[in-house]
Amino acid sequence: MKRTARSVVFSAVTGTVIIALTTIGIGLWFFVSHHESSPVSKQSAEAEFSQLRSRFSTQQPLIDMSLRQSADTSSIGRPVVPLHTFHTAIFDTRGGQRIVHIAVPYWFARLFADRDGEFRWLGQLTFLDDTEFDSEAIRLSLDQLEQWGPGLIVDYQHLSGGQFISWVE
């Protein structure tokens, strides 16, 4: 009987370890496949952000960073289109110069909104990284984002040279 109890305990511990290692492995895979960070010169970052801005040259961003809140989306009248991917590109100048690219499924981005479905900090849009933009206050609800639809969410620059662009597709 003691032998059976040990077998049960051993099996339970082994199963728990396998589940924990599998969860860690999936988490690491998700991070690596949705996040990229690399050192970059200011000139290279400027070129990339210039290219991104030209892509959105006909759009105003949903969030007006001078007011720290999103535009009024109640009268947009666009048909609601499912959102699939949330993209963020960051030129982080804090502690060195690096460019960060994050592209996550929209369902994953929804997990970072507060319980009331609102983003209150720009850092909530960086999802898988910590950058100099984390503490920038904003007001953006998931409802507003979904009414806005695919397109530019925010385009913001620090006086120090750091840059932040986010969009959804």
N, C-alpha and C. Protein backbone atom coordinates (compact mmCIF):
# COMPACT_ATOMS: atom_id res chain seq x y z
N MET A 1 0.82 -1.18 0.00
CA MET A 1 0.00 0.00 0.00
C MET A 1 0.87 1.25 0.00
N LYS A 2 1.96 1.24 0.78
CA LYS A 2 2.86 2.38 0.79
C LYS A 2 3.47 2.61 -0.58
N ARG A 3 3.75 1.52 -1.24
CA ARG A 3 4.34 1.60 -2.57
C ARG A 3 3.37 2.27 -3.54
N THR A 4 2.10 1.99 -3.47
CA THR A 4 1.08 2.58 -4.33
C THR A 4 0.95 4.08 -4.04
N ALA A 5 0.96 4.45 -2.78
CA ALA A 5 0.87 5.88 -2.40
C ALA A 5 2.06 6.63 -2.97
N ARG A 6 3.25 6.04 -2.88
CA ARG A 6 4.43 6.69 -3.46
C ARG A 6 4.30 6.84 -4.97
N SER A 7 3.78 5.83 -5.61
CA SER A 7 3.59 5.88 -7.07
C SER A 7 2.62 6.99 -7.45
N VAL A 8 1.55 7.13 -6.68
CA VAL A 8 0.57 8.18 -6.95
C VAL A 8 1.21 9.56 -6.76
N VAL A 9 1.93 9.74 -5.68
CA VAL A 9 2.60 11.02 -5.41
C VAL A 9 3.64 11.30 -6.50
N PHE A 10 4.43 10.30 -6.86
CA PHE A 10 5.44 10.46 -7.91
C PHE A 10 4.78 10.85 -9.23
N SER A 11 3.68 10.19 -9.56
CA SER A 11 2.98 10.50 -10.82
C SER A 11 2.42 11.92 -10.79
N ALA A 12 1.87 12.33 -9.66
CA ALA A 12 1.32 13.68 -9.54
C ALA A 12 2.41 14.73 -9.67
N VAL A 13 3.54 14.51 -9.02
CA VAL A 13 4.66 15.45 -9.10
C VAL A 13 5.21 15.49 -10.52
N THR A 14 5.38 14.34 -11.12
CA THR A 14 5.88 14.28 -12.50
C THR A 14 4.93 15.00 -13.44
N GLY A 15 3.64 14.78 -13.30
CA GLY A 15 2.65 15.45 -14.14
C GLY A 15 2.68 16.96 -13.95
N THR A 16 2.82 17.41 -12.71
CA THR A 16 2.90 18.85 -12.42
C THR A 16 4.14 19.46 -13.05
N VAL A 17 5.26 18.78 -12.95
CA VAL A 17 6.51 19.28 -13.54
C VAL A 17 6.38 19.35 -15.07
N ILE A 18 5.79 18.35 -15.68
CA ILE A 18 5.61 18.35 -17.14
C ILE A 18 4.71 19.50 -17.56
N ILE A 19 3.63 19.72 -16.83
CA ILE A 19 2.71 20.83 -17.15
C ILE A 19 3.42 22.17 -16.99
N ALA A 20 4.19 22.32 -15.92
CA ALA A 20 4.91 23.58 -15.68
C ALA A 20 5.94 23.83 -16.78
N LEU A 21 6.71 22.82 -17.15
CA LEU A 21 7.71 22.98 -18.22
C LEU A 21 7.06 23.27 -19.57
N THR A 22 5.94 22.63 -19.84
CA THR A 22 5.21 22.88 -21.09
C THR A 22 4.71 24.33 -21.12
N THR A 23 4.15 24.79 -20.02
CA THR A 23 3.65 26.17 -19.93
C THR A 23 4.79 27.17 -20.13
N ILE A 24 5.91 26.93 -19.51
CA ILE A 24 7.07 27.81 -19.67
C ILE A 24 7.54 27.80 -21.12
N GLY A 25 7.59 26.63 -21.71
CA GLY A 25 8.01 26.51 -23.11
C GLY A 25 7.08 27.26 -24.05
N ILE A 26 5.79 27.13 -23.85
CA ILE A 26 4.82 27.85 -24.69
C ILE A 26 4.97 29.35 -24.49
N GLY A 27 5.16 29.77 -23.25
CA GLY A 27 5.35 31.20 -22.96
C GLY A 27 6.59 31.75 -23.64
N LEU A 28 7.68 31.02 -23.59
CA LEU A 28 8.92 31.46 -24.26
C LEU A 28 8.75 31.50 -25.78
N TRP A 29 8.09 30.49 -26.33
CA TRP A 29 7.83 30.48 -27.77
C TRP A 29 6.99 31.69 -28.17
N PHE A 30 5.94 31.99 -27.40
CA PHE A 30 5.08 33.13 -27.71
C PHE A 30 5.89 34.43 -27.68
N PHE A 31 6.71 34.61 -26.65
CA PHE A 31 7.53 35.81 -26.52
C PHE A 31 8.47 35.96 -27.71
N VAL A 32 9.20 34.91 -28.04
CA VAL A 32 10.18 34.96 -29.13
C VAL A 32 9.50 35.20 -30.48
N SER A 33 8.33 34.63 -30.68
CA SER A 33 7.68 34.77 -31.99
C SER A 33 6.89 36.06 -32.14
N HIS A 34 6.69 36.84 -31.06
CA HIS A 34 5.91 38.07 -31.14
C HIS A 34 6.68 39.31 -30.71
N HIS A 35 7.95 39.18 -30.39
CA HIS A 35 8.75 40.28 -29.86
C HIS A 35 10.14 40.24 -30.47
N GLU A 36 10.62 41.41 -30.86
CA GLU A 36 11.99 41.52 -31.37
C GLU A 36 12.59 42.82 -30.84
N SER A 37 13.78 42.74 -30.31
CA SER A 37 14.47 43.91 -29.79
C SER A 37 15.92 43.83 -30.23
N SER A 38 16.44 44.95 -30.79
CA SER A 38 17.82 44.95 -31.23
C SER A 38 18.42 46.35 -31.14
N PRO A 39 19.72 46.42 -30.89
CA PRO A 39 20.39 47.73 -30.87
C PRO A 39 20.30 48.37 -32.25
N VAL A 40 20.19 49.70 -32.27
CA VAL A 40 20.05 50.40 -33.55
C VAL A 40 20.58 51.82 -33.39
N SER A 41 21.07 52.38 -34.47
CA SER A 41 21.53 53.77 -34.44
C SER A 41 20.32 54.69 -34.56
N LYS A 42 20.52 55.92 -34.15
CA LYS A 42 19.44 56.91 -34.24
C LYS A 42 19.02 57.10 -35.70
N GLN A 43 19.98 57.09 -36.61
CA GLN A 43 19.67 57.27 -38.03
C GLN A 43 18.82 56.12 -38.57
N SER A 44 19.16 54.91 -38.20
CA SER A 44 18.36 53.75 -38.65
C SER A 44 16.94 53.81 -38.09
N ALA A 45 16.83 54.18 -36.82
CA ALA A 45 15.50 54.31 -36.21
C ALA A 45 14.70 55.40 -36.91
N GLU A 46 15.33 56.53 -37.19
CA GLU A 46 14.65 57.63 -37.89
C GLU A 46 14.13 57.15 -39.25
N ALA A 47 14.95 56.40 -39.98
CA ALA A 47 14.54 55.90 -41.29
C ALA A 47 13.34 54.96 -41.17
N GLU A 48 13.38 54.06 -40.20
CA GLU A 48 12.26 53.13 -40.04
C GLU A 48 10.99 53.84 -39.63
N PHE A 49 11.09 54.79 -38.70
CA PHE A 49 9.89 55.51 -38.25
C PHE A 49 9.36 56.44 -39.34
N SER A 50 10.24 56.96 -40.15
CA SER A 50 9.80 57.78 -41.28
C SER A 50 8.99 56.92 -42.26
N GLN A 51 9.46 55.71 -42.49
CA GLN A 51 8.74 54.78 -43.38
C GLN A 51 7.38 54.42 -42.79
N LEU A 52 7.33 54.16 -41.49
CA LEU A 52 6.06 53.85 -40.85
C LEU A 52 5.10 55.04 -40.95
N ARG A 53 5.62 56.24 -40.69
CA ARG A 53 4.76 57.43 -40.76
C ARG A 53 4.22 57.65 -42.18
N SER A 54 5.02 57.35 -43.19
CA SER A 54 4.54 57.52 -44.56
C SER A 54 3.42 56.52 -44.85
N ARG A 55 3.49 55.35 -44.24
CA ARG A 55 2.43 54.35 -44.41
C ARG A 55 1.09 54.87 -43.88
N PHE A 56 1.14 55.68 -42.82
CA PHE A 56 -0.07 56.20 -42.19
C PHE A 56 -0.27 57.69 -42.45
N SER A 57 0.34 58.20 -43.52
CA SER A 57 0.32 59.65 -43.78
C SER A 57 -1.07 60.23 -43.98
N THR A 58 -2.03 59.42 -44.36
CA THR A 58 -3.39 59.93 -44.58
C THR A 58 -4.28 59.75 -43.36
N GLN A 59 -3.72 59.24 -42.27
CA GLN A 59 -4.52 58.96 -41.07
C GLN A 59 -4.09 59.82 -39.90
N GLN A 60 -5.05 60.22 -39.12
CA GLN A 60 -4.77 60.82 -37.83
C GLN A 60 -4.74 59.68 -36.81
N PRO A 61 -3.86 59.74 -35.81
CA PRO A 61 -3.87 58.68 -34.80
C PRO A 61 -5.13 58.77 -33.94
N LEU A 62 -5.58 57.64 -33.47
CA LEU A 62 -6.75 57.59 -32.59
C LEU A 62 -6.48 58.35 -31.30
N ILE A 63 -5.28 58.21 -30.74
CA ILE A 63 -4.95 58.89 -29.48
C ILE A 63 -4.23 60.20 -29.78
N ASP A 64 -4.77 61.27 -29.28
CA ASP A 64 -4.13 62.58 -29.36
C ASP A 64 -3.25 62.72 -28.12
N MET A 65 -1.94 62.61 -28.30
CA MET A 65 -1.05 62.61 -27.14
C MET A 65 -0.94 63.98 -26.48
N SER A 66 -1.34 65.06 -27.14
CA SER A 66 -1.34 66.36 -26.47
C SER A 66 -2.47 66.41 -25.43
N LEU A 67 -3.55 65.66 -25.67
CA LEU A 67 -4.67 65.58 -24.71
C LEU A 67 -4.62 64.31 -23.87
N ARG A 68 -3.81 63.34 -24.32
CA ARG A 68 -3.66 62.05 -23.65
C ARG A 68 -4.95 61.23 -23.65
N GLN A 69 -5.76 61.41 -24.67
CA GLN A 69 -6.98 60.61 -24.79
C GLN A 69 -7.32 60.36 -26.24
N SER A 70 -8.22 59.43 -26.45
CA SER A 70 -8.58 59.07 -27.81
C SER A 70 -9.62 60.03 -28.37
N ALA A 71 -9.69 60.04 -29.68
CA ALA A 71 -10.68 60.86 -30.37
C ALA A 71 -12.07 60.31 -30.08
N ASP A 72 -13.07 61.13 -30.31
CA ASP A 72 -14.45 60.70 -30.14
C ASP A 72 -14.80 59.77 -31.30
N THR A 73 -15.07 58.52 -30.99
CA THR A 73 -15.36 57.53 -32.02
C THR A 73 -16.85 57.24 -32.14
N SER A 74 -17.67 57.92 -31.34
CA SER A 74 -19.10 57.61 -31.32
C SER A 74 -19.80 57.94 -32.63
N SER A 75 -19.27 58.88 -33.39
CA SER A 75 -19.95 59.29 -34.62
C SER A 75 -19.21 58.84 -35.89
N ILE A 76 -18.33 57.88 -35.76
CA ILE A 76 -17.53 57.46 -36.91
C ILE A 76 -18.40 56.83 -37.99
N GLY A 77 -19.28 55.95 -37.63
CA GLY A 77 -20.18 55.34 -38.59
C GLY A 77 -19.54 54.31 -39.51
N ARG A 78 -18.33 53.91 -39.23
CA ARG A 78 -17.68 52.86 -40.02
C ARG A 78 -18.26 51.51 -39.62
N PRO A 79 -18.33 50.59 -40.56
CA PRO A 79 -18.73 49.24 -40.16
C PRO A 79 -17.65 48.64 -39.25
N VAL A 80 -18.07 47.92 -38.25
CA VAL A 80 -17.12 47.29 -37.34
C VAL A 80 -16.43 46.15 -38.07
N VAL A 81 -15.10 46.20 -38.08
CA VAL A 81 -14.28 45.19 -38.74
C VAL A 81 -13.50 44.46 -37.66
N PRO A 82 -13.46 43.14 -37.72
CA PRO A 82 -12.69 42.41 -36.70
C PRO A 82 -11.21 42.82 -36.74
N LEU A 83 -10.63 43.00 -35.58
CA LEU A 83 -9.21 43.33 -35.47
C LEU A 83 -8.44 42.05 -35.20
N HIS A 84 -7.31 41.90 -35.88
CA HIS A 84 -6.55 40.65 -35.77
C HIS A 84 -5.21 40.81 -35.08
N THR A 85 -4.47 41.88 -35.40
CA THR A 85 -3.11 42.01 -34.89
C THR A 85 -2.86 43.42 -34.37
N PHE A 86 -2.23 43.51 -33.23
CA PHE A 86 -1.86 44.77 -32.60
C PHE A 86 -0.33 44.91 -32.75
N HIS A 87 0.11 45.97 -33.42
CA HIS A 87 1.53 46.20 -33.68
C HIS A 87 2.03 47.40 -32.88
N THR A 88 3.24 47.31 -32.39
CA THR A 88 3.88 48.43 -31.73
C THR A 88 5.35 48.44 -32.13
N ALA A 89 5.84 49.62 -32.52
CA ALA A 89 7.26 49.82 -32.81
C ALA A 89 7.75 50.92 -31.89
N ILE A 90 8.87 50.68 -31.24
CA ILE A 90 9.39 51.62 -30.25
C ILE A 90 10.88 51.82 -30.48
N PHE A 91 11.30 53.08 -30.50
CA PHE A 91 12.72 53.40 -30.44
C PHE A 91 12.97 53.84 -29.01
N ASP A 92 13.57 52.97 -28.23
CA ASP A 92 13.79 53.18 -26.80
C ASP A 92 15.20 53.71 -26.60
N THR A 93 15.31 54.93 -26.09
CA THR A 93 16.62 55.56 -25.89
C THR A 93 17.10 55.46 -24.45
N ARG A 94 16.30 54.88 -23.61
CA ARG A 94 16.66 54.76 -22.20
C ARG A 94 17.69 53.64 -22.04
N GLY A 95 18.86 53.98 -21.54
CA GLY A 95 19.89 52.98 -21.29
C GLY A 95 20.51 52.40 -22.56
N GLY A 96 20.56 53.17 -23.61
CA GLY A 96 21.07 52.69 -24.89
C GLY A 96 19.98 52.83 -25.94
N GLN A 97 20.35 52.68 -27.17
CA GLN A 97 19.37 52.83 -28.25
C GLN A 97 19.02 51.47 -28.81
N ARG A 98 17.74 51.16 -28.79
CA ARG A 98 17.28 49.90 -29.34
C ARG A 98 15.92 50.12 -29.98
N ILE A 99 15.62 49.27 -30.94
CA ILE A 99 14.30 49.30 -31.55
C ILE A 99 13.58 48.02 -31.15
N VAL A 100 12.32 48.17 -30.79
CA VAL A 100 11.52 47.05 -30.33
C VAL A 100 10.32 46.93 -31.26
N HIS A 101 10.09 45.73 -31.75
CA HIS A 101 8.91 45.43 -32.57
C HIS A 101 8.07 44.40 -31.82
N ILE A 102 6.81 44.70 -31.67
CA ILE A 102 5.90 43.76 -31.02
C ILE A 102 4.67 43.63 -31.91
N ALA A 103 4.29 42.42 -32.20
CA ALA A 103 3.07 42.14 -32.95
C ALA A 103 2.38 40.97 -32.26
N VAL A 104 1.24 41.26 -31.65
CA VAL A 104 0.51 40.22 -30.92
C VAL A 104 -0.90 40.10 -31.45
N PRO A 105 -1.49 38.94 -31.30
CA PRO A 105 -2.90 38.79 -31.69
C PRO A 105 -3.76 39.77 -30.88
N TYR A 106 -4.82 40.25 -31.49
CA TYR A 106 -5.67 41.23 -30.81
C TYR A 106 -6.25 40.66 -29.51
N TRP A 107 -6.60 39.38 -29.50
CA TRP A 107 -7.15 38.78 -28.28
C TRP A 107 -6.15 38.88 -27.13
N PHE A 108 -4.85 38.77 -27.44
CA PHE A 108 -3.82 38.87 -26.42
C PHE A 108 -3.71 40.31 -25.91
N ALA A 109 -3.79 41.28 -26.83
CA ALA A 109 -3.73 42.69 -26.44
C ALA A 109 -4.88 43.05 -25.50
N ARG A 110 -6.03 42.46 -25.73
CA ARG A 110 -7.20 42.73 -24.87
C ARG A 110 -6.92 42.38 -23.41
N LEU A 111 -6.04 41.42 -23.17
CA LEU A 111 -5.71 41.00 -21.80
C LEU A 111 -5.00 42.10 -21.01
N PHE A 112 -4.42 43.08 -21.70
CA PHE A 112 -3.65 44.12 -21.03
C PHE A 112 -4.49 45.33 -20.65
N ALA A 113 -5.72 45.38 -21.11
CA ALA A 113 -6.61 46.47 -20.71
C ALA A 113 -7.03 46.23 -19.26
N ASP A 114 -7.36 47.31 -18.57
CA ASP A 114 -7.85 47.17 -17.20
C ASP A 114 -9.18 46.43 -17.20
N ARG A 115 -9.68 46.13 -16.03
CA ARG A 115 -10.93 45.37 -15.91
C ARG A 115 -12.10 46.05 -16.63
N ASP A 116 -12.06 47.38 -16.69
CA ASP A 116 -13.14 48.11 -17.34
C ASP A 116 -12.92 48.23 -18.85
N GLY A 117 -11.90 47.53 -19.38
CA GLY A 117 -11.66 47.55 -20.81
C GLY A 117 -10.96 48.80 -21.30
N GLU A 118 -10.17 49.43 -20.44
CA GLU A 118 -9.49 50.67 -20.81
C GLU A 118 -7.99 50.58 -20.59
N PHE A 119 -7.25 51.15 -21.54
CA PHE A 119 -5.81 51.31 -21.39
C PHE A 119 -5.58 52.68 -20.78
N ARG A 120 -4.78 52.75 -19.71
CA ARG A 120 -4.53 54.01 -19.03
C ARG A 120 -3.08 54.49 -19.18
N TRP A 121 -2.20 53.60 -19.65
CA TRP A 121 -0.79 53.92 -19.79
C TRP A 121 -0.31 53.44 -21.15
N LEU A 122 0.54 54.22 -21.78
CA LEU A 122 1.10 53.82 -23.06
C LEU A 122 1.85 52.50 -22.92
N GLY A 123 2.43 52.27 -21.76
CA GLY A 123 3.15 51.03 -21.50
C GLY A 123 2.27 49.79 -21.59
N GLN A 124 0.96 49.95 -21.45
CA GLN A 124 0.07 48.81 -21.60
C GLN A 124 0.02 48.35 -23.06
N LEU A 125 0.48 49.18 -23.98
CA LEU A 125 0.50 48.81 -25.40
C LEU A 125 1.85 48.22 -25.82
N THR A 126 2.79 48.09 -24.88
CA THR A 126 4.07 47.47 -25.22
C THR A 126 4.05 45.97 -24.94
N PHE A 127 3.07 45.49 -24.22
CA PHE A 127 2.78 44.08 -23.99
C PHE A 127 3.94 43.24 -23.49
N LEU A 128 4.98 43.07 -24.26
CA LEU A 128 6.04 42.11 -23.92
C LEU A 128 7.38 42.78 -23.61
N ASP A 129 7.37 44.05 -23.26
CA ASP A 129 8.64 44.74 -23.00
C ASP A 129 8.42 45.91 -22.05
N ASP A 130 9.51 46.41 -21.52
CA ASP A 130 9.51 47.56 -20.63
C ASP A 130 10.30 48.65 -21.35
N THR A 131 9.68 49.82 -21.60
CA THR A 131 10.35 50.87 -22.34
C THR A 131 10.18 52.21 -21.64
N GLU A 132 10.80 53.23 -22.19
CA GLU A 132 10.71 54.57 -21.61
C GLU A 132 9.31 55.16 -21.71
N PHE A 133 8.41 54.54 -22.45
CA PHE A 133 7.06 55.06 -22.65
C PHE A 133 6.04 54.49 -21.68
N ASP A 134 6.46 53.58 -20.82
CA ASP A 134 5.52 52.89 -19.93
C ASP A 134 4.66 53.82 -19.09
N SER A 135 5.21 54.89 -18.60
CA SER A 135 4.48 55.75 -17.65
C SER A 135 3.68 56.87 -18.31
N GLU A 136 3.63 56.92 -19.63
CA GLU A 136 2.88 57.97 -20.32
C GLU A 136 1.38 57.70 -20.19
N ALA A 137 0.66 58.63 -19.58
CA ALA A 137 -0.78 58.46 -19.36
C ALA A 137 -1.56 58.60 -20.67
N ILE A 138 -2.56 57.73 -20.84
CA ILE A 138 -3.48 57.80 -21.98
C ILE A 138 -4.86 57.39 -21.51
N ARG A 139 -5.84 57.58 -22.37
CA ARG A 139 -7.18 57.05 -22.14
C ARG A 139 -7.65 56.45 -23.45
N LEU A 140 -7.80 55.15 -23.47
CA LEU A 140 -8.23 54.43 -24.66
C LEU A 140 -9.01 53.19 -24.24
N SER A 141 -10.26 53.12 -24.68
CA SER A 141 -11.05 51.94 -24.34
C SER A 141 -11.05 50.95 -25.51
N LEU A 142 -11.30 49.71 -25.18
CA LEU A 142 -11.41 48.68 -26.22
C LEU A 142 -12.56 49.01 -27.16
N ASP A 143 -13.66 49.55 -26.62
CA ASP A 143 -14.80 49.94 -27.47
C ASP A 143 -14.37 50.98 -28.50
N GLN A 144 -13.63 52.00 -28.06
CA GLN A 144 -13.17 53.03 -28.98
C GLN A 144 -12.25 52.43 -30.04
N LEU A 145 -11.38 51.57 -29.62
CA LEU A 145 -10.45 50.92 -30.54
C LEU A 145 -11.20 50.11 -31.59
N GLU A 146 -12.21 49.39 -31.17
CA GLU A 146 -12.96 48.56 -32.10
C GLU A 146 -13.84 49.40 -33.03
N GLN A 147 -14.37 50.53 -32.54
CA GLN A 147 -15.13 51.44 -33.40
C GLN A 147 -14.21 52.11 -34.41
N TRP A 148 -13.00 52.42 -34.02
CA TRP A 148 -12.02 53.06 -34.90
C TRP A 148 -11.64 52.12 -36.03
N GLY A 149 -11.43 50.85 -35.69
CA GLY A 149 -11.08 49.85 -36.68
C GLY A 149 -9.60 49.83 -36.99
N PRO A 150 -9.23 49.13 -38.05
CA PRO A 150 -7.81 49.01 -38.40
C PRO A 150 -7.21 50.38 -38.70
N GLY A 151 -5.97 50.57 -38.26
CA GLY A 151 -5.28 51.82 -38.55
C GLY A 151 -4.40 52.28 -37.40
N LEU A 152 -3.95 53.51 -37.52
CA LEU A 152 -3.00 54.12 -36.59
C LEU A 152 -3.66 54.41 -35.24
N ILE A 153 -3.03 53.96 -34.18
CA ILE A 153 -3.54 54.19 -32.83
C ILE A 153 -2.82 55.36 -32.19
N VAL A 154 -1.50 55.33 -32.21
CA VAL A 154 -0.72 56.41 -31.58
C VAL A 154 0.60 56.59 -32.31
N ASP A 155 1.02 57.85 -32.39
CA ASP A 155 2.33 58.22 -32.94
C ASP A 155 2.87 59.29 -32.00
N TYR A 156 3.91 58.95 -31.27
CA TYR A 156 4.38 59.84 -30.20
C TYR A 156 5.90 59.85 -30.16
N GLN A 157 6.46 61.02 -29.85
CA GLN A 157 7.92 61.15 -29.72
C GLN A 157 8.27 61.89 -28.45
N HIS A 158 9.32 61.44 -27.80
CA HIS A 158 9.89 62.18 -26.67
C HIS A 158 10.89 63.20 -27.19
N LEU A 159 11.10 64.25 -26.45
CA LEU A 159 12.11 65.25 -26.82
C LEU A 159 13.50 64.63 -26.87
N SER A 160 13.71 63.57 -26.09
CA SER A 160 15.01 62.89 -26.05
C SER A 160 15.28 62.07 -27.31
N GLY A 161 14.27 61.89 -28.17
CA GLY A 161 14.46 61.12 -29.40
C GLY A 161 13.72 59.81 -29.42
N GLY A 162 13.24 59.34 -28.29
CA GLY A 162 12.47 58.10 -28.26
C GLY A 162 11.19 58.24 -29.07
N GLN A 163 10.79 57.16 -29.73
CA GLN A 163 9.60 57.20 -30.59
C GLN A 163 8.74 55.98 -30.35
N PHE A 164 7.44 56.15 -30.58
CA PHE A 164 6.46 55.11 -30.32
C PHE A 164 5.35 55.19 -31.36
N ILE A 165 5.12 54.12 -32.09
CA ILE A 165 4.01 54.04 -33.04
C ILE A 165 3.30 52.72 -32.81
N SER A 166 1.97 52.79 -32.77
CA SER A 166 1.18 51.58 -32.60
C SER A 166 0.00 51.62 -33.56
N TRP A 167 -0.34 50.46 -34.11
CA TRP A 167 -1.48 50.35 -35.02
C TRP A 167 -2.09 48.97 -34.93
N VAL A 168 -3.32 48.85 -35.42
CA VAL A 168 -3.99 47.54 -35.44
C VAL A 168 -4.38 47.21 -36.88
N GLU A 169 -4.42 45.95 -37.16
CA GLU A 169 -4.87 45.44 -38.46
C GLU A 169 -5.97 44.44 -38.24
